[in-house]
């Protein structure tokens, strides 16, 4: 019997950027949410785990907390805000928070996008030529996997 494990859905910039906001929010909420984000009103992004983030957004009448979460089994993205409008609608704070979390994740992931190829390259370098016999013995499998630069 064979088993395979599928990767758990996680919160990614791609998921946030490709979410169909226009199916849930009216054009004015989308426009105002983008303006809030651009004005820096979405702040204090906190990544709770690989599926959940919290962000605060300064609104006209107070500070609101937006929770963004990916369903563990479904992979569906859900956004929740504690503003009164969000009780029945997809609000501008959700849009601003989604943009802020996406930007945060892109910035956090950026160093790894640069470092991973470099680390992979360094891990596969042959031992340095010192002119002396290398005291470390390599297995035949390890020698076969070494590639010249």
N, C-alpha and C. Protein backbone atom coordinates (compact mmCIF):
# COMPACT_ATOMS: atom_id res chain seq x y z
N UNK A 1 0.84 -1.16 0.00
CA UNK A 1 0.00 0.00 0.00
C UNK A 1 0.90 1.24 0.00
N UNK A 2 0.55 2.22 -0.80
CA UNK A 2 1.33 3.45 -0.90
C UNK A 2 0.52 4.61 -0.37
N UNK A 3 1.21 5.49 0.32
CA UNK A 3 0.59 6.70 0.83
C UNK A 3 1.38 7.89 0.31
N UNK A 4 0.68 8.95 0.08
CA UNK A 4 1.36 10.18 -0.29
C UNK A 4 0.81 11.31 0.57
N UNK A 5 1.65 12.21 0.90
CA UNK A 5 1.18 13.36 1.67
C UNK A 5 1.14 14.57 0.75
N UNK A 6 0.02 15.19 0.74
CA UNK A 6 -0.12 16.41 -0.05
C UNK A 6 0.28 17.58 0.82
N UNK A 7 0.91 18.59 0.23
CA UNK A 7 1.29 19.75 1.04
C UNK A 7 0.04 20.43 1.60
N UNK A 8 0.17 20.87 2.84
CA UNK A 8 -0.93 21.60 3.48
C UNK A 8 -1.05 22.96 2.81
N UNK A 9 -2.27 23.43 2.62
CA UNK A 9 -2.42 24.78 2.06
C UNK A 9 -1.77 25.80 2.99
N UNK A 10 -1.11 26.78 2.42
CA UNK A 10 -0.50 27.80 3.25
C UNK A 10 -0.78 29.18 2.67
N UNK A 11 -0.59 30.18 3.50
CA UNK A 11 -0.82 31.56 3.11
C UNK A 11 0.39 32.05 2.32
N UNK A 12 0.17 32.39 1.07
CA UNK A 12 1.26 32.84 0.20
C UNK A 12 0.87 34.16 -0.47
N UNK A 13 1.87 34.91 -0.95
CA UNK A 13 1.54 36.14 -1.69
C UNK A 13 0.71 35.83 -2.94
N UNK A 14 1.00 34.70 -3.58
CA UNK A 14 0.27 34.35 -4.80
C UNK A 14 -1.21 34.11 -4.50
N UNK A 15 -1.48 33.44 -3.40
CA UNK A 15 -2.87 33.19 -3.02
C UNK A 15 -3.59 34.51 -2.76
N UNK A 16 -2.95 35.41 -2.05
CA UNK A 16 -3.56 36.71 -1.76
C UNK A 16 -3.71 37.56 -3.01
N UNK A 17 -2.70 37.56 -3.87
CA UNK A 17 -2.74 38.39 -5.08
C UNK A 17 -3.75 37.89 -6.11
N UNK A 18 -4.01 36.58 -6.11
CA UNK A 18 -4.93 36.00 -7.10
C UNK A 18 -6.34 35.80 -6.59
N UNK A 19 -6.60 36.19 -5.36
CA UNK A 19 -7.94 36.03 -4.79
C UNK A 19 -8.91 36.92 -5.56
N UNK A 20 -10.11 36.41 -5.88
CA UNK A 20 -11.08 37.22 -6.66
C UNK A 20 -11.85 38.21 -5.78
N UNK A 21 -11.17 39.25 -5.33
CA UNK A 21 -11.79 40.23 -4.43
C UNK A 21 -13.05 40.84 -5.02
N UNK A 22 -13.08 41.05 -6.33
CA UNK A 22 -14.24 41.70 -6.96
C UNK A 22 -15.50 40.83 -6.88
N UNK A 23 -15.36 39.55 -6.59
CA UNK A 23 -16.55 38.70 -6.42
C UNK A 23 -17.18 38.89 -5.04
N UNK A 24 -16.43 39.47 -4.12
CA UNK A 24 -16.91 39.60 -2.75
C UNK A 24 -17.08 41.06 -2.30
N UNK A 25 -16.25 41.94 -2.80
CA UNK A 25 -16.28 43.34 -2.37
C UNK A 25 -16.77 44.21 -3.52
N UNK A 26 -17.44 45.29 -3.16
CA UNK A 26 -17.88 46.24 -4.19
C UNK A 26 -16.68 47.07 -4.65
N UNK A 27 -16.76 47.67 -5.85
CA UNK A 27 -15.62 48.43 -6.40
C UNK A 27 -15.13 49.54 -5.47
N UNK A 28 -16.04 50.21 -4.77
CA UNK A 28 -15.63 51.30 -3.87
C UNK A 28 -14.80 50.75 -2.70
N UNK A 29 -15.18 49.62 -2.15
CA UNK A 29 -14.41 49.02 -1.05
C UNK A 29 -13.02 48.61 -1.52
N UNK A 30 -12.94 48.07 -2.73
CA UNK A 30 -11.64 47.68 -3.28
C UNK A 30 -10.77 48.92 -3.48
N UNK A 31 -11.34 49.96 -4.08
CA UNK A 31 -10.59 51.20 -4.32
C UNK A 31 -10.12 51.82 -3.00
N UNK A 32 -11.00 51.89 -2.02
CA UNK A 32 -10.64 52.50 -0.74
C UNK A 32 -9.64 51.63 0.03
N UNK A 33 -9.78 50.32 -0.08
CA UNK A 33 -8.82 49.42 0.57
C UNK A 33 -7.42 49.58 -0.01
N UNK A 34 -7.35 49.72 -1.33
CA UNK A 34 -6.05 49.97 -1.98
C UNK A 34 -5.46 51.30 -1.51
N UNK A 35 -6.32 52.31 -1.39
CA UNK A 35 -5.85 53.62 -0.93
C UNK A 35 -5.37 53.54 0.52
N UNK A 36 -6.08 52.81 1.35
CA UNK A 36 -5.65 52.63 2.74
C UNK A 36 -4.27 51.96 2.78
N UNK A 37 -4.11 50.94 1.97
CA UNK A 37 -2.81 50.25 1.93
C UNK A 37 -1.71 51.21 1.47
N UNK A 38 -1.98 51.93 0.39
CA UNK A 38 -1.00 52.86 -0.17
C UNK A 38 -0.64 53.96 0.82
N UNK A 39 -1.60 54.37 1.64
CA UNK A 39 -1.37 55.42 2.64
C UNK A 39 -0.72 54.88 3.91
N UNK A 40 -0.44 53.59 3.96
CA UNK A 40 0.22 53.01 5.12
C UNK A 40 -0.69 52.78 6.31
N UNK A 41 -1.98 52.67 6.05
CA UNK A 41 -2.93 52.49 7.15
C UNK A 41 -3.06 51.05 7.59
N UNK A 42 -2.50 50.11 6.83
CA UNK A 42 -2.46 48.71 7.23
C UNK A 42 -1.07 48.46 7.81
N UNK A 43 -1.03 47.96 9.04
CA UNK A 43 0.25 47.86 9.72
C UNK A 43 0.25 46.68 10.70
N UNK A 44 1.40 46.46 11.30
CA UNK A 44 1.58 45.41 12.30
C UNK A 44 1.11 44.04 11.79
N UNK A 45 1.66 43.63 10.68
CA UNK A 45 1.37 42.30 10.16
C UNK A 45 2.02 41.28 11.10
N UNK A 46 1.22 40.33 11.52
CA UNK A 46 1.72 39.28 12.40
C UNK A 46 1.36 37.93 11.78
N UNK A 47 2.39 37.16 11.45
CA UNK A 47 2.16 35.83 10.90
C UNK A 47 2.03 34.88 12.09
N UNK A 48 0.85 34.31 12.25
CA UNK A 48 0.58 33.42 13.38
C UNK A 48 1.16 32.03 13.11
N UNK A 49 0.91 31.53 11.91
CA UNK A 49 1.48 30.26 11.45
C UNK A 49 1.44 30.28 9.93
N UNK A 50 1.72 29.16 9.29
CA UNK A 50 1.80 29.15 7.82
C UNK A 50 0.45 29.32 7.14
N UNK A 51 -0.64 29.33 7.92
CA UNK A 51 -1.97 29.47 7.34
C UNK A 51 -2.74 30.68 7.86
N UNK A 52 -2.16 31.44 8.80
CA UNK A 52 -2.93 32.51 9.43
C UNK A 52 -2.07 33.75 9.69
N UNK A 53 -2.66 34.90 9.41
CA UNK A 53 -2.01 36.19 9.67
C UNK A 53 -3.04 37.16 10.23
N UNK A 54 -2.54 38.10 11.01
CA UNK A 54 -3.38 39.18 11.55
C UNK A 54 -2.73 40.50 11.15
N UNK A 55 -3.57 41.47 10.81
CA UNK A 55 -3.08 42.79 10.43
C UNK A 55 -4.03 43.83 11.00
N UNK A 56 -3.49 44.95 11.42
CA UNK A 56 -4.32 46.05 11.92
C UNK A 56 -4.43 47.11 10.84
N UNK A 57 -5.61 47.71 10.76
CA UNK A 57 -5.87 48.76 9.76
C UNK A 57 -6.50 49.94 10.47
N UNK A 58 -5.93 51.12 10.25
CA UNK A 58 -6.51 52.35 10.79
C UNK A 58 -7.66 52.78 9.90
N UNK A 59 -8.87 52.77 10.46
CA UNK A 59 -10.06 53.20 9.73
C UNK A 59 -10.42 54.63 10.06
N UNK A 60 -11.53 55.06 9.54
CA UNK A 60 -11.99 56.43 9.79
C UNK A 60 -12.40 56.63 11.24
N UNK A 61 -12.95 55.59 11.85
CA UNK A 61 -13.48 55.74 13.21
C UNK A 61 -12.77 54.87 14.24
N UNK A 62 -11.66 54.25 13.86
CA UNK A 62 -10.94 53.43 14.82
C UNK A 62 -9.96 52.49 14.15
N UNK A 63 -9.38 51.65 14.98
CA UNK A 63 -8.42 50.66 14.51
C UNK A 63 -9.13 49.32 14.42
N UNK A 64 -8.93 48.61 13.31
CA UNK A 64 -9.61 47.34 13.11
C UNK A 64 -8.60 46.21 12.93
N UNK A 65 -9.00 45.05 13.40
CA UNK A 65 -8.16 43.87 13.29
C UNK A 65 -8.73 42.97 12.20
N UNK A 66 -7.86 42.61 11.26
CA UNK A 66 -8.26 41.72 10.17
C UNK A 66 -7.49 40.42 10.32
N UNK A 67 -8.22 39.32 10.30
CA UNK A 67 -7.62 37.99 10.35
C UNK A 67 -7.76 37.37 8.97
N UNK A 68 -6.65 36.87 8.46
CA UNK A 68 -6.63 36.21 7.15
C UNK A 68 -6.18 34.78 7.40
N UNK A 69 -6.96 33.83 6.89
CA UNK A 69 -6.65 32.43 7.18
C UNK A 69 -6.95 31.55 5.97
N UNK A 70 -6.15 30.52 5.83
CA UNK A 70 -6.35 29.52 4.79
C UNK A 70 -6.89 28.27 5.47
N UNK A 71 -8.02 27.75 4.94
CA UNK A 71 -8.61 26.55 5.51
C UNK A 71 -7.66 25.37 5.45
N UNK A 72 -7.57 24.64 6.55
CA UNK A 72 -6.62 23.53 6.68
C UNK A 72 -6.88 22.46 5.62
N UNK A 73 -8.12 22.11 5.40
CA UNK A 73 -8.43 21.05 4.43
C UNK A 73 -8.82 21.62 3.08
N UNK A 74 -9.62 22.68 3.08
CA UNK A 74 -10.15 23.21 1.82
C UNK A 74 -9.15 24.07 1.06
N UNK A 75 -8.25 24.73 1.78
CA UNK A 75 -7.33 25.67 1.14
C UNK A 75 -7.99 26.98 0.79
N UNK A 76 -9.26 27.15 1.20
CA UNK A 76 -9.99 28.38 0.89
C UNK A 76 -9.49 29.52 1.77
N UNK A 77 -9.41 30.69 1.18
CA UNK A 77 -8.97 31.88 1.88
C UNK A 77 -10.17 32.54 2.56
N UNK A 78 -10.03 32.86 3.83
CA UNK A 78 -11.10 33.58 4.52
C UNK A 78 -10.52 34.82 5.19
N UNK A 79 -11.28 35.90 5.15
CA UNK A 79 -10.88 37.16 5.76
C UNK A 79 -11.98 37.60 6.71
N UNK A 80 -11.59 38.10 7.85
CA UNK A 80 -12.55 38.55 8.85
C UNK A 80 -12.05 39.85 9.44
N UNK A 81 -12.96 40.81 9.58
CA UNK A 81 -12.62 42.11 10.17
C UNK A 81 -13.62 42.40 11.28
N UNK A 82 -13.16 43.11 12.30
CA UNK A 82 -14.06 43.42 13.41
C UNK A 82 -14.75 44.78 13.26
N UNK A 83 -14.75 45.35 12.05
CA UNK A 83 -15.50 46.60 11.84
C UNK A 83 -16.98 46.28 11.65
N UNK A 84 -17.86 47.24 11.93
CA UNK A 84 -19.30 46.98 11.81
C UNK A 84 -19.74 46.63 10.38
N UNK A 85 -19.10 47.22 9.38
CA UNK A 85 -19.48 46.97 7.98
C UNK A 85 -19.23 45.52 7.60
N UNK A 86 -18.19 44.91 8.17
CA UNK A 86 -17.80 43.54 7.81
C UNK A 86 -18.75 42.49 8.35
N UNK A 87 -19.70 42.88 9.20
CA UNK A 87 -20.67 41.92 9.68
C UNK A 87 -21.50 41.34 8.54
N UNK A 88 -21.67 42.13 7.47
CA UNK A 88 -22.49 41.67 6.35
C UNK A 88 -21.80 41.87 4.99
N UNK A 89 -20.59 42.46 4.98
CA UNK A 89 -19.94 42.79 3.72
C UNK A 89 -18.44 42.50 3.79
N UNK A 90 -17.84 42.45 2.62
CA UNK A 90 -16.38 42.37 2.50
C UNK A 90 -15.88 43.81 2.52
N UNK A 91 -15.12 44.18 3.53
CA UNK A 91 -14.80 45.60 3.74
C UNK A 91 -13.44 46.02 3.17
N UNK A 92 -13.24 47.34 3.16
CA UNK A 92 -12.00 47.95 2.67
C UNK A 92 -10.81 47.57 3.56
N UNK A 93 -11.05 47.32 4.83
CA UNK A 93 -9.97 46.94 5.73
C UNK A 93 -9.39 45.57 5.34
N UNK A 94 -10.27 44.69 4.88
CA UNK A 94 -9.82 43.37 4.43
C UNK A 94 -8.92 43.50 3.21
N UNK A 95 -9.28 44.38 2.30
CA UNK A 95 -8.47 44.60 1.09
C UNK A 95 -7.10 45.15 1.50
N UNK A 96 -7.10 46.18 2.34
CA UNK A 96 -5.83 46.79 2.76
C UNK A 96 -4.96 45.77 3.49
N UNK A 97 -5.56 44.98 4.35
CA UNK A 97 -4.80 43.96 5.10
C UNK A 97 -4.24 42.90 4.17
N UNK A 98 -5.03 42.44 3.21
CA UNK A 98 -4.56 41.41 2.27
C UNK A 98 -3.36 41.93 1.48
N UNK A 99 -3.40 43.18 1.06
CA UNK A 99 -2.27 43.76 0.33
C UNK A 99 -1.04 43.87 1.23
N UNK A 100 -1.26 44.25 2.48
CA UNK A 100 -0.14 44.40 3.42
C UNK A 100 0.49 43.04 3.74
N UNK A 101 -0.33 42.02 3.95
CA UNK A 101 0.19 40.69 4.25
C UNK A 101 0.93 40.14 3.04
N UNK A 102 0.39 40.34 1.85
CA UNK A 102 1.07 39.89 0.63
C UNK A 102 2.44 40.55 0.50
N UNK A 103 2.49 41.86 0.70
CA UNK A 103 3.77 42.57 0.62
C UNK A 103 4.74 42.07 1.69
N UNK A 104 4.25 41.87 2.88
CA UNK A 104 5.09 41.37 3.97
C UNK A 104 5.67 40.00 3.63
N UNK A 105 4.83 39.11 3.12
CA UNK A 105 5.31 37.77 2.78
C UNK A 105 6.33 37.82 1.64
N UNK A 106 6.13 38.70 0.69
CA UNK A 106 7.10 38.85 -0.41
C UNK A 106 8.44 39.34 0.12
N UNK A 107 8.41 40.29 1.03
CA UNK A 107 9.65 40.82 1.60
C UNK A 107 10.34 39.77 2.46
N UNK A 108 9.57 38.99 3.21
CA UNK A 108 10.14 37.95 4.06
C UNK A 108 10.72 36.81 3.24
N UNK A 109 10.10 36.50 2.11
CA UNK A 109 10.55 35.40 1.28
C UNK A 109 11.69 35.80 0.35
N UNK A 110 11.85 37.09 0.10
CA UNK A 110 12.84 37.55 -0.88
C UNK A 110 14.26 37.05 -0.61
N UNK A 111 14.77 37.16 0.63
CA UNK A 111 16.14 36.68 0.86
C UNK A 111 16.31 35.20 0.53
N UNK A 112 15.29 34.40 0.79
CA UNK A 112 15.40 32.97 0.51
C UNK A 112 15.42 32.69 -0.98
N UNK A 113 14.73 33.51 -1.77
CA UNK A 113 14.74 33.32 -3.22
C UNK A 113 16.15 33.55 -3.77
N UNK A 114 16.90 34.42 -3.13
CA UNK A 114 18.27 34.67 -3.55
C UNK A 114 19.22 33.63 -2.96
N UNK A 115 19.02 33.33 -1.69
CA UNK A 115 19.95 32.46 -0.97
C UNK A 115 19.86 30.99 -1.36
N UNK A 116 18.68 30.48 -1.66
CA UNK A 116 18.53 29.05 -1.92
C UNK A 116 19.39 28.57 -3.09
N UNK A 117 19.39 29.23 -4.24
CA UNK A 117 20.26 28.76 -5.31
C UNK A 117 21.75 28.81 -4.93
N UNK A 118 22.13 29.85 -4.18
CA UNK A 118 23.51 29.97 -3.74
C UNK A 118 23.87 28.85 -2.77
N UNK A 119 23.00 28.59 -1.81
CA UNK A 119 23.25 27.50 -0.86
C UNK A 119 23.32 26.15 -1.57
N UNK A 120 22.41 25.94 -2.51
CA UNK A 120 22.41 24.68 -3.26
C UNK A 120 23.73 24.53 -4.00
N UNK A 121 24.19 25.61 -4.62
CA UNK A 121 25.45 25.59 -5.36
C UNK A 121 26.61 25.28 -4.41
N UNK A 122 26.65 25.94 -3.26
CA UNK A 122 27.74 25.74 -2.31
C UNK A 122 27.76 24.32 -1.75
N UNK A 123 26.59 23.76 -1.54
CA UNK A 123 26.52 22.40 -1.00
C UNK A 123 26.99 21.35 -2.00
N UNK A 124 27.00 21.71 -3.26
CA UNK A 124 27.40 20.75 -4.29
C UNK A 124 28.77 21.03 -4.88
N UNK A 125 29.55 21.89 -4.23
CA UNK A 125 30.91 22.15 -4.68
C UNK A 125 31.81 20.97 -4.30
N UNK A 126 32.79 20.65 -5.16
CA UNK A 126 33.74 19.61 -4.77
C UNK A 126 34.64 20.13 -3.65
N UNK A 127 35.28 19.24 -2.88
CA UNK A 127 36.18 19.70 -1.82
C UNK A 127 37.28 20.58 -2.40
N UNK A 128 37.73 21.56 -1.62
CA UNK A 128 38.75 22.49 -2.09
C UNK A 128 40.06 21.74 -2.35
N UNK A 129 40.74 22.12 -3.40
CA UNK A 129 42.04 21.52 -3.73
C UNK A 129 43.10 22.20 -2.88
N UNK A 130 43.70 21.47 -1.96
CA UNK A 130 44.68 22.06 -1.05
C UNK A 130 46.08 21.57 -1.37
N UNK A 131 46.21 20.66 -2.29
CA UNK A 131 47.52 20.09 -2.57
C UNK A 131 47.81 18.90 -1.67
N UNK A 132 47.02 18.68 -0.66
CA UNK A 132 47.18 17.56 0.24
C UNK A 132 46.08 16.56 -0.02
N UNK A 133 46.32 15.38 0.37
CA UNK A 133 45.27 14.37 0.25
C UNK A 133 44.13 14.76 1.18
N UNK A 134 42.94 14.64 0.69
CA UNK A 134 41.78 14.97 1.50
C UNK A 134 41.58 13.87 2.53
N UNK A 135 41.50 14.25 3.79
CA UNK A 135 41.36 13.26 4.85
C UNK A 135 39.92 12.74 4.94
N UNK A 136 39.01 13.43 4.31
CA UNK A 136 37.61 13.02 4.34
C UNK A 136 37.33 12.07 3.19
N UNK A 137 36.88 10.88 3.50
CA UNK A 137 36.56 9.92 2.45
C UNK A 137 35.13 10.13 2.02
N UNK A 138 34.93 10.12 0.72
CA UNK A 138 33.59 10.31 0.16
C UNK A 138 33.04 8.96 -0.27
N UNK A 139 31.77 8.79 -0.06
CA UNK A 139 31.13 7.56 -0.53
C UNK A 139 31.05 7.61 -2.04
N UNK A 140 30.94 6.45 -2.69
CA UNK A 140 30.80 6.44 -4.16
C UNK A 140 29.59 7.26 -4.61
N UNK A 141 28.51 7.21 -3.84
CA UNK A 141 27.32 7.98 -4.20
C UNK A 141 27.61 9.48 -4.14
N UNK A 142 28.31 9.94 -3.10
CA UNK A 142 28.64 11.34 -2.96
C UNK A 142 29.56 11.79 -4.09
N UNK A 143 30.56 10.94 -4.44
CA UNK A 143 31.48 11.30 -5.54
C UNK A 143 30.73 11.40 -6.86
N UNK A 144 29.75 10.52 -7.06
CA UNK A 144 29.01 10.52 -8.32
C UNK A 144 28.14 11.77 -8.43
N UNK A 145 27.71 12.31 -7.29
CA UNK A 145 26.84 13.48 -7.31
C UNK A 145 27.58 14.80 -7.42
N UNK A 146 28.91 14.76 -7.33
CA UNK A 146 29.68 16.01 -7.46
C UNK A 146 29.74 16.41 -8.92
N UNK A 147 29.54 17.68 -9.12
CA UNK A 147 29.59 18.21 -10.49
C UNK A 147 30.59 19.33 -10.55
N UNK A 148 31.32 19.45 -11.65
CA UNK A 148 32.23 20.61 -11.78
C UNK A 148 31.42 21.89 -11.92
N UNK A 149 32.03 22.98 -11.54
CA UNK A 149 31.35 24.28 -11.61
C UNK A 149 31.29 24.77 -13.04
